C-alpha atoms as a PDB file:
ATOM      1  CA  MET A   1      17.746  53.744  23.071  1.00  0.00           C
ATOM      2  CA  GLY A   2      20.005  51.322  24.969  1.00  0.00           C
ATOM      3  CA  LEU A   3      19.113  49.256  28.014  1.00  0.00           C
ATOM      4  CA  SER A   4      21.162  48.904  31.135  1.00  0.00           C
ATOM      5  CA  ARG A   5      22.184  45.442  32.284  1.00  0.00           C
ATOM      6  CA  ALA A   6      19.464  45.500  34.890  1.00  0.00           C
ATOM      7  CA  GLY A   7      16.870  46.921  32.477  1.00  0.00           C
ATOM      8  CA  CYS A   8      16.830  43.827  30.216  1.00  0.00           C
ATOM      9  CA  SER A   9      15.625  41.554  32.987  1.00  0.00           C
ATOM     10  CA  ASP A  10      13.028  44.163  33.958  1.00  0.00           C
ATOM     11  CA  VAL A  11      11.573  44.168  30.442  1.00  0.00           C
ATOM     12  CA  PHE A  12      11.795  40.362  29.991  1.00  0.00           C
ATOM     13  CA  PRO A  13      11.556  38.835  33.457  1.00  0.00           C
ATOM     14  CA  PRO A  14      12.515  35.138  33.664  1.00  0.00           C
ATOM     15  CA  VAL A  15       8.948  34.064  34.422  1.00  0.00           C
ATOM     16  CA  THR A  16       7.760  35.563  31.105  1.00  0.00           C
ATOM     17  CA  ILE A  17      10.441  33.747  29.132  1.00  0.00           C
ATOM     18  CA  ARG A  18       9.371  30.481  30.731  1.00  0.00           C
ATOM     19  CA  LYS A  19       5.754  31.180  29.847  1.00  0.00           C
ATOM     20  CA  ILE A  20       6.643  31.918  26.230  1.00  0.00           C
ATOM     21  CA  ALA A  21       8.580  28.646  26.046  1.00  0.00           C
ATOM     22  CA  ILE A  22       5.573  26.796  27.484  1.00  0.00           C
ATOM     23  CA  TRP A  23       3.223  28.473  25.004  1.00  0.00           C
ATOM     24  CA  ILE A  24       5.479  27.582  22.079  1.00  0.00           C
ATOM     25  CA  ALA A  25       5.834  23.972  23.229  1.00  0.00           C
ATOM     26  CA  THR A  26       2.077  23.736  23.769  1.00  0.00           C
ATOM     27  CA  GLY A  27       1.395  25.159  20.318  1.00  0.00           C
ATOM     28  CA  ILE A  28       3.788  22.715  18.665  1.00  0.00           C
ATOM     29  CA  GLY A  29       2.217  19.841  20.603  1.00  0.00           C
ATOM     30  CA  LEU A  30      -1.294  20.882  19.574  1.00  0.00           C
ATOM     31  CA  CYS A  31      -0.252  21.210  15.920  1.00  0.00           C
ATOM     32  CA  ALA A  32       1.356  17.758  16.010  1.00  0.00           C
ATOM     33  CA  ALA A  33      -1.715  16.269  17.674  1.00  0.00           C
ATOM     34  CA  LEU A  34      -4.034  17.929  15.146  1.00  0.00           C
ATOM     35  CA  THR A  35      -1.903  16.701  12.243  1.00  0.00           C
ATOM     36  CA  GLY A  36      -1.854  13.177  13.650  1.00  0.00           C
ATOM     37  CA  TRP A  37      -5.624  13.266  14.161  1.00  0.00           C
ATOM     38  CA  MET A  38      -6.219  14.457  10.591  1.00  0.00           C
ATOM     39  CA  VAL A  39      -4.020  11.685   9.165  1.00  0.00           C
ATOM     40  CA  TRP A  40      -5.546   9.027  11.419  1.00  0.00           C
ATOM     41  CA  THR A  41      -9.109   9.998  10.520  1.00  0.00           C
ATOM     42  CA  GLY A  42      -8.315  10.238   6.811  1.00  0.00           C
ATOM     43  CA  ARG A  43      -9.054  13.960   6.648  1.00  0.00           C
ATOM     44  CA  TRP A  44      -5.545  14.658   5.386  1.00  0.00           C
ATOM     45  CA  VAL A  45      -3.421  12.418   3.179  1.00  0.00           C
ATOM     46  CA  PRO A  46       0.228  13.614   3.328  1.00  0.00           C
ATOM     47  CA  ASN A  47       1.005  12.321  -0.171  1.00  0.00           C
ATOM     48  CA  ALA A  48      -2.214  13.461  -1.825  1.00  0.00           C
ATOM     49  CA  ILE A  49      -0.719  16.392  -3.741  1.00  0.00           C
ATOM     50  CA  VAL A  50       2.141  14.371  -5.208  1.00  0.00           C
ATOM     51  CA  ALA A  51      -0.085  11.363  -5.910  1.00  0.00           C
ATOM     52  CA  SER A  52      -2.580  13.592  -7.741  1.00  0.00           C
ATOM     53  CA  ALA A  53      -0.046  13.865 -10.575  1.00  0.00           C
ATOM     54  CA  TYR A  54      -0.835  10.235 -11.464  1.00  0.00           C
ATOM     55  CA  VAL A  55      -4.130  10.037 -13.304  1.00  0.00           C
ATOM     56  CA  ILE A  56      -4.803   6.318 -12.753  1.00  0.00           C
ATOM     57  CA  ARG A  57      -5.758   5.664  -9.135  1.00  0.00           C
ATOM     58  CA  GLY A  58      -6.981   2.538  -7.395  1.00  0.00           C
ATOM     59  CA  ILE A  59      -7.497   0.714  -4.118  1.00  0.00           C
ATOM     60  CA  ASP A  60      -6.611  -2.609  -2.509  1.00  0.00           C
ATOM     61  CA  VAL A  61      -9.036  -4.463  -0.256  1.00  0.00           C
ATOM     62  CA  SER A  62      -9.470  -7.542   1.906  1.00  0.00           C
ATOM     63  CA  HIS A  63     -12.026  -8.823   4.411  1.00  0.00           C
ATOM     64  CA  HIS A  64     -10.986  -5.922   6.644  1.00  0.00           C
ATOM     65  CA  GLN A  65     -13.092  -3.615   4.456  1.00  0.00           C
ATOM     66  CA  GLY A  66     -16.192  -5.712   5.189  1.00  0.00           C
ATOM     67  CA  VAL A  67     -19.059  -5.910   2.711  1.00  0.00           C
ATOM     68  CA  ILE A  68     -18.322  -3.619  -0.231  1.00  0.00           C
ATOM     69  CA  ASN A  69     -20.943  -1.853  -2.334  1.00  0.00           C
ATOM     70  CA  TRP A  70     -19.200  -2.261  -5.672  1.00  0.00           C
ATOM     71  CA  PRO A  71     -21.661  -0.176  -7.755  1.00  0.00           C
ATOM     72  CA  GLU A  72     -20.883   2.752  -5.415  1.00  0.00           C
ATOM     73  CA  VAL A  73     -17.151   2.092  -5.704  1.00  0.00           C
ATOM     74  CA  ALA A  74     -17.435   2.169  -9.490  1.00  0.00           C
ATOM     75  CA  ARG A  75     -19.162   5.548  -9.286  1.00  0.00           C
ATOM     76  CA  ASP A  76     -16.272   6.955  -7.243  1.00  0.00           C
ATOM     77  CA  HIS A  77     -13.842   6.877 -10.190  1.00  0.00           C
ATOM     78  CA  VAL A  78     -11.794   3.901  -8.951  1.00  0.00           C
ATOM     79  CA  ASP A  79      -9.637   2.849 -11.902  1.00  0.00           C
ATOM     80  CA  PHE A  80      -8.470  -0.524 -10.546  1.00  0.00           C
ATOM     81  CA  VAL A  81      -8.552  -2.736  -7.482  1.00  0.00           C
ATOM     82  CA  TYR A  82      -6.296  -5.413  -6.037  1.00  0.00           C
ATOM     83  CA  MET A  83      -7.967  -7.783  -3.594  1.00  0.00           C
ATOM     84  CA  LYS A  84      -6.518 -10.227  -1.126  1.00  0.00           C
ATOM     85  CA  ALA A  85      -7.075 -13.834  -2.148  1.00  0.00           C
ATOM     86  CA  THR A  86      -4.798 -16.012  -0.043  1.00  0.00           C
ATOM     87  CA  GLU A  87      -2.188 -16.102   2.699  1.00  0.00           C
ATOM     88  CA  GLY A  88       0.370 -18.791   3.382  1.00  0.00           C
ATOM     89  CA  ALA A  89      -0.494 -22.294   2.175  1.00  0.00           C
ATOM     90  CA  ASP A  90      -4.045 -22.644   3.477  1.00  0.00           C
ATOM     91  CA  PHE A  91      -5.792 -19.321   4.222  1.00  0.00           C
ATOM     92  CA  VAL A  92      -8.393 -17.871   1.835  1.00  0.00           C
ATOM     93  CA  ASP A  93      -9.761 -14.378   2.405  1.00  0.00           C
ATOM     94  CA  GLN A  94     -13.430 -14.774   3.229  1.00  0.00           C
ATOM     95  CA  ARG A  95     -14.495 -11.908   0.961  1.00  0.00           C
ATOM     96  CA  PHE A  96     -12.357 -12.797  -2.040  1.00  0.00           C
ATOM     97  CA  GLY A  97     -14.895 -14.766  -4.084  1.00  0.00           C
ATOM     98  CA  LYS A  98     -17.610 -12.126  -3.839  1.00  0.00           C
ATOM     99  CA  ASN A  99     -15.204  -9.228  -4.319  1.00  0.00           C
ATOM    100  CA  TRP A 100     -13.723 -10.900  -7.414  1.00  0.00           C
ATOM    101  CA  ARG A 101     -17.116 -11.470  -9.045  1.00  0.00           C
ATOM    102  CA  GLN A 102     -18.747  -8.201  -8.034  1.00  0.00           C
ATOM    103  CA  ALA A 103     -15.843  -5.989  -9.117  1.00  0.00           C
ATOM    104  CA  ALA A 104     -15.901  -7.732 -12.504  1.00  0.00           C
ATOM    105  CA  ALA A 105     -19.653  -7.122 -12.768  1.00  0.00           C
ATOM    106  CA  GLN A 106     -18.920  -3.385 -12.430  1.00  0.00           C
ATOM    107  CA  ARG A 107     -16.115  -3.646 -15.014  1.00  0.00           C
ATOM    108  CA  ILE A 108     -13.511  -2.436 -12.546  1.00  0.00           C
ATOM    109  CA  PRO A 109     -10.070  -3.752 -13.584  1.00  0.00           C
ATOM    110  CA  ARG A 110      -9.048  -6.141 -10.833  1.00  0.00           C
ATOM    111  CA  GLY A 111      -6.216  -8.327  -9.696  1.00  0.00           C
ATOM    112  CA  ALA A 112      -5.592 -10.701  -6.807  1.00  0.00           C
ATOM    113  CA  TYR A 113      -2.762 -10.714  -4.306  1.00  0.00           C
ATOM    114  CA  HIS A 114      -1.213 -13.267  -1.962  1.00  0.00           C
ATOM    115  CA  PHE A 115       0.199 -12.465   1.480  1.00  0.00           C
ATOM    116  CA  TYR A 116       3.480 -14.372   1.554  1.00  0.00           C
ATOM    117  CA  ASN A 117       4.525 -16.372   4.628  1.00  0.00           C
ATOM    118  CA  PRO A 118       8.334 -16.793   4.659  1.00  0.00           C
ATOM    119  CA  ALA A 119       8.015 -19.739   7.050  1.00  0.00           C
ATOM    120  CA  THR A 120       6.115 -21.769   4.431  1.00  0.00           C
ATOM    121  CA  SER A 121       7.241 -23.391   1.182  1.00  0.00           C
ATOM    122  CA  GLY A 122       7.013 -21.061  -1.802  1.00  0.00           C
ATOM    123  CA  ARG A 123       5.811 -23.938  -3.961  1.00  0.00           C
ATOM    124  CA  ASN A 124       2.933 -24.773  -1.603  1.00  0.00           C
ATOM    125  CA  GLN A 125       1.893 -21.136  -1.346  1.00  0.00           C
ATOM    126  CA  ALA A 126       1.868 -20.741  -5.120  1.00  0.00           C
ATOM    127  CA  ARG A 127      -0.226 -23.867  -5.575  1.00  0.00           C
ATOM    128  CA  HIS A 128      -2.681 -22.586  -2.992  1.00  0.00           C
ATOM    129  CA  PHE A 129      -2.991 -19.246  -4.811  1.00  0.00           C
ATOM    130  CA  VAL A 130      -3.456 -20.909  -8.202  1.00  0.00           C
ATOM    131  CA  ALA A 131      -6.132 -23.218  -6.779  1.00  0.00           C
ATOM    132  CA  THR A 132      -8.010 -20.186  -5.425  1.00  0.00           C
ATOM    133  CA  VAL A 133      -7.694 -17.449  -8.054  1.00  0.00           C
ATOM    134  CA  PRO A 134      -9.337 -18.091 -11.453  1.00  0.00           C
ATOM    135  CA  VAL A 135      -7.291 -17.582 -14.591  1.00  0.00           C
ATOM    136  CA  ASP A 136      -8.753 -14.482 -16.236  1.00  0.00           C
ATOM    137  CA  PRO A 137      -6.852 -13.199 -19.268  1.00  0.00           C
ATOM    138  CA  HIS A 138      -8.289  -9.732 -18.663  1.00  0.00           C
ATOM    139  CA  ALA A 139      -7.188  -9.427 -15.029  1.00  0.00           C
ATOM    140  CA  LEU A 140      -4.220  -7.500 -13.703  1.00  0.00           C
ATOM    141  CA  PRO A 141      -1.068  -9.551 -13.055  1.00  0.00           C
ATOM    142  CA  PRO A 142      -1.088 -11.510  -9.793  1.00  0.00           C
ATOM    143  CA  ALA A 143       0.637  -9.773  -6.900  1.00  0.00           C
ATOM    144  CA  VAL A 144       2.502 -10.983  -3.831  1.00  0.00           C
ATOM    145  CA  ASP A 145       2.670  -9.016  -0.586  1.00  0.00           C
ATOM    146  CA  LEU A 146       6.186  -9.189   0.915  1.00  0.00           C
ATOM    147  CA  GLU A 147       6.625  -7.644   4.354  1.00  0.00           C
ATOM    148  CA  PHE A 148       8.593  -8.284   7.518  1.00  0.00           C
ATOM    149  CA  ALA A 149       6.435 -10.522   9.708  1.00  0.00           C
ATOM    150  CA  VAL A 150       6.744 -10.642  13.487  1.00  0.00           C
ATOM    151  CA  GLY A 151       9.225 -13.350  14.417  1.00  0.00           C
ATOM    152  CA  ALA A 152       9.935 -14.230  10.776  1.00  0.00           C
ATOM    153  CA  THR A 153      13.332 -13.139   9.474  1.00  0.00           C
ATOM    154  CA  PRO A 154      14.519 -15.889   7.128  1.00  0.00           C
ATOM    155  CA  ARG A 155      17.988 -16.047   5.656  1.00  0.00           C
ATOM    156  CA  VAL A 156      18.219 -14.007   2.485  1.00  0.00           C
ATOM    157  CA  GLU A 157      19.366 -16.981   0.389  1.00  0.00           C
ATOM    158  CA  ASP A 158      16.530 -19.201   1.622  1.00  0.00           C
ATOM    159  CA  PHE A 159      13.927 -16.511   1.103  1.00  0.00           C
ATOM    160  CA  ARG A 160      15.056 -15.755  -2.441  1.00  0.00           C
ATOM    161  CA  ARG A 161      15.073 -19.432  -3.408  1.00  0.00           C
ATOM    162  CA  GLU A 162      11.527 -20.012  -2.132  1.00  0.00           C
ATOM    163  CA  LEU A 163      10.215 -16.776  -3.636  1.00  0.00           C
ATOM    164  CA  ALA A 164      11.744 -17.628  -7.015  1.00  0.00           C
ATOM    165  CA  GLU A 165       9.865 -20.923  -7.051  1.00  0.00           C
ATOM    166  CA  PHE A 166       6.657 -19.147  -6.076  1.00  0.00           C
ATOM    167  CA  LEU A 167       7.017 -16.652  -8.931  1.00  0.00           C
ATOM    168  CA  VAL A 168       7.837 -19.328 -11.507  1.00  0.00           C
ATOM    169  CA  ILE A 169       4.569 -21.122 -10.756  1.00  0.00           C
ATOM    170  CA  LEU A 170       2.518 -17.923 -10.954  1.00  0.00           C
ATOM    171  CA  ARG A 171       4.094 -16.917 -14.278  1.00  0.00           C
ATOM    172  CA  ALA A 172       3.281 -20.314 -15.757  1.00  0.00           C
ATOM    173  CA  ALA A 173      -0.298 -20.299 -14.455  1.00  0.00           C
ATOM    174  CA  TYR A 174      -1.316 -16.753 -15.413  1.00  0.00           C
ATOM    175  CA  GLY A 175       1.058 -15.871 -18.250  1.00  0.00           C
ATOM    176  CA  LYS A 176       1.944 -12.539 -16.660  1.00  0.00           C
ATOM    177  CA  GLU A 177       4.906 -11.232 -14.721  1.00  0.00           C
ATOM    178  CA  PRO A 178       3.803 -10.971 -11.062  1.00  0.00           C
ATOM    179  CA  VAL A 179       3.804  -7.681  -9.159  1.00  0.00           C
ATOM    180  CA  ILE A 180       5.710  -7.483  -5.866  1.00  0.00           C
ATOM    181  CA  TYR A 181       4.192  -5.344  -3.117  1.00  0.00           C
ATOM    182  CA  THR A 182       6.767  -4.350  -0.536  1.00  0.00           C
ATOM    183  CA  THR A 183       8.415  -1.572   1.449  1.00  0.00           C
ATOM    184  CA  ALA A 184      11.706   0.115   0.629  1.00  0.00           C
ATOM    185  CA  GLU A 185      13.278  -1.496   3.700  1.00  0.00           C
ATOM    186  CA  PHE A 186      12.213  -5.006   2.724  1.00  0.00           C
ATOM    187  CA  GLN A 187      13.314  -4.423  -0.857  1.00  0.00           C
ATOM    188  CA  ARG A 188      16.801  -3.381   0.235  1.00  0.00           C
ATOM    189  CA  HIS A 189      17.190  -6.350   2.573  1.00  0.00           C
ATOM    190  CA  TYR A 190      15.775  -9.194   0.477  1.00  0.00           C
ATOM    191  CA  LEU A 191      15.438  -8.094  -3.154  1.00  0.00           C
ATOM    192  CA  ALA A 192      18.432  -5.867  -3.863  1.00  0.00           C
ATOM    193  CA  GLY A 193      20.482  -7.157  -6.777  1.00  0.00           C
ATOM    194  CA  THR A 194      17.902  -9.708  -7.921  1.00  0.00           C
ATOM    195  CA  GLY A 195      17.156  -7.985 -11.208  1.00  0.00           C
ATOM    196  CA  PRO A 196      14.285  -5.797 -12.409  1.00  0.00           C
ATOM    197  CA  ARG A 197      10.943  -6.309 -10.719  1.00  0.00           C
ATOM    198  CA  ARG A 198       7.429  -5.019 -11.109  1.00  0.00           C
ATOM    199  CA  LEU A 199       7.262  -3.180  -7.823  1.00  0.00           C
ATOM    200  CA  TRP A 200       4.281  -1.985  -5.842  1.00  0.00           C
ATOM    201  CA  ILE A 201       5.830   0.217  -3.177  1.00  0.00           C
ATOM    202  CA  ARG A 202       4.228   1.224   0.099  1.00  0.00           C
ATOM    203  CA  GLU A 203       5.242   4.762   1.056  1.00  0.00           C
ATOM    204  CA  VAL A 204       2.629   6.733   2.985  1.00  0.00           C
ATOM    205  CA  VAL A 205       4.798   9.670   4.075  1.00  0.00           C
ATOM    206  CA  GLY A 206       7.382  10.390   1.388  1.00  0.00           C
ATOM    207  CA  VAL A 207       7.660   9.492  -2.274  1.00  0.00           C
ATOM    208  CA  PRO A 208       9.119   6.138  -3.379  1.00  0.00           C
ATOM    209  CA  SER A 209      12.529   6.296  -5.002  1.00  0.00           C
ATOM    210  CA  GLY A 210      13.526   4.363  -8.087  1.00  0.00           C
ATOM    211  CA  GLU A 211      11.164   2.747 -10.566  1.00  0.00           C
ATOM    212  CA  TRP A 212       7.779   1.449  -9.494  1.00  0.00           C
ATOM    213  CA  LEU A 213       4.587   0.245 -11.156  1.00  0.00           C
ATOM    214  CA  PHE A 214       2.138   0.882  -8.325  1.00  0.00           C
ATOM    215  CA  TRP A 215       2.483   3.153  -5.315  1.00  0.00           C
ATOM    216  CA  GLN A 216       0.410   2.724  -2.152  1.00  0.00           C
ATOM    217  CA  PHE A 217       0.390   6.281  -0.881  1.00  0.00           C
ATOM    218  CA  SER A 218      -2.195   6.043   1.907  1.00  0.00           C
ATOM    219  CA  SER A 219      -3.722   3.442   4.200  1.00  0.00           C
ATOM    220  CA  ARG A 220      -6.418   5.792   5.523  1.00  0.00           C
ATOM    221  CA  GLY A 221      -8.365   6.565   2.373  1.00  0.00           C
ATOM    222  CA  ARG A 222     -12.095   6.945   1.948  1.00  0.00           C
ATOM    223  CA  VAL A 223     -14.053   5.616  -1.021  1.00  0.00           C
ATOM    224  CA  ARG A 224     -17.790   5.526  -1.599  1.00  0.00           C
ATOM    225  CA  GLY A 225     -19.247   2.077  -1.031  1.00  0.00           C
ATOM    226  CA  ILE A 226     -16.645   1.117   1.602  1.00  0.00           C
ATOM    227  CA  ALA A 227     -17.453   1.861   5.233  1.00  0.00           C
ATOM    228  CA  ASN A 228     -13.930   1.374   6.593  1.00  0.00           C
ATOM    229  CA  PHE A 229     -10.618   2.957   5.670  1.00  0.00           C
ATOM    230  CA  VAL A 230      -9.074   1.641   2.468  1.00  0.00           C
ATOM    231  CA  ASP A 231      -5.577   1.715   0.932  1.00  0.00           C
ATOM    232  CA  LEU A 232      -5.128   4.203  -1.909  1.00  0.00           C
ATOM    233  CA  ASN A 233      -2.780   3.502  -4.824  1.00  0.00           C
ATOM    234  CA  ALA A 234      -1.430   5.261  -7.882  1.00  0.00           C
ATOM    235  CA  PHE A 235      -0.371   3.663 -11.172  1.00  0.00           C
ATOM    236  CA  SER A 236       2.777   4.961 -12.842  1.00  0.00           C
ATOM    237  CA  GLY A 237       1.392   4.967 -16.379  1.00  0.00           C
ATOM    238  CA  GLU A 238      -1.599   6.063 -18.393  1.00  0.00           C
ATOM    239  CA  ARG A 239      -4.851   4.153 -18.985  1.00  0.00           C
ATOM    240  CA  ALA A 240      -3.438   2.570 -22.135  1.00  0.00           C
ATOM    241  CA  ASP A 241      -0.544   1.212 -20.062  1.00  0.00           C
ATOM    242  CA  LEU A 242      -2.954  -0.315 -17.542  1.00  0.00           C
ATOM    243  CA  GLU A 243      -4.927  -1.929 -20.359  1.00  0.00           C
ATOM    244  CA  ALA A 244      -1.713  -3.326 -21.850  1.00  0.00           C
ATOM    245  CA  LEU A 245      -0.851  -4.796 -18.455  1.00  0.00           C
ATOM    246  CA  MET A 246      -4.181  -6.597 -18.347  1.00  0.00           C
ATOM    247  CA  ALA A 247      -3.891  -7.806 -21.951  1.00  0.00           C
ATOM    248  CA  GLU A 248      -0.449  -9.301 -21.384  1.00  0.00           C
ATOM    249  CA  ARG A 249      -0.233 -13.030 -22.041  1.00  0.00           C
END
């Protein structure tokens, strides 16, 4: 049955259309808020399904995680851990020493990382890291955290020169090719065209493109033995590949 021109507005008066639009907008807003709340509280990890395809999973920690109950962590099927050791040329993470020893006591494969300061000499930062982190032939390769820092945007040529010197010193000290933690944006700006790297990519929404060794897929994870949120990571290979990485010399 057809409707007259006037009949359409009688069936769907303008006020009803406005209400429907408000309801739809409200529903979308509530869904977005609920999704954001679930991500923020760690109840939903957007990348969890994709990351579950990688059987070797680990965490990275610093003093921000507070006192860690490492026996509980070991019981939560954590396959490896990277822990912050140093930053710049003079900062040492206050929990590094205990984390390093206690993770080893639980036989959790572990490695140390340095937070790089582009305003400081690469040589001095490397020496600081080497003076802090013991040489352990069974540890994971040393890692360096490269991110855009507030107010620090060095020239590409200067950054690459200093980083190269930093990496040379770490290779000589530990006998292993260092791992570079970074974002896709930082990689494109500062590392593109510099040759193959062992990359540890942070991507908490999508999936990293290209080749990577480690993937940090969440910064809001929960692990037994750690009261605060913790970063969750996946390893690209199998357990034998992780063991080969540690045995490298």
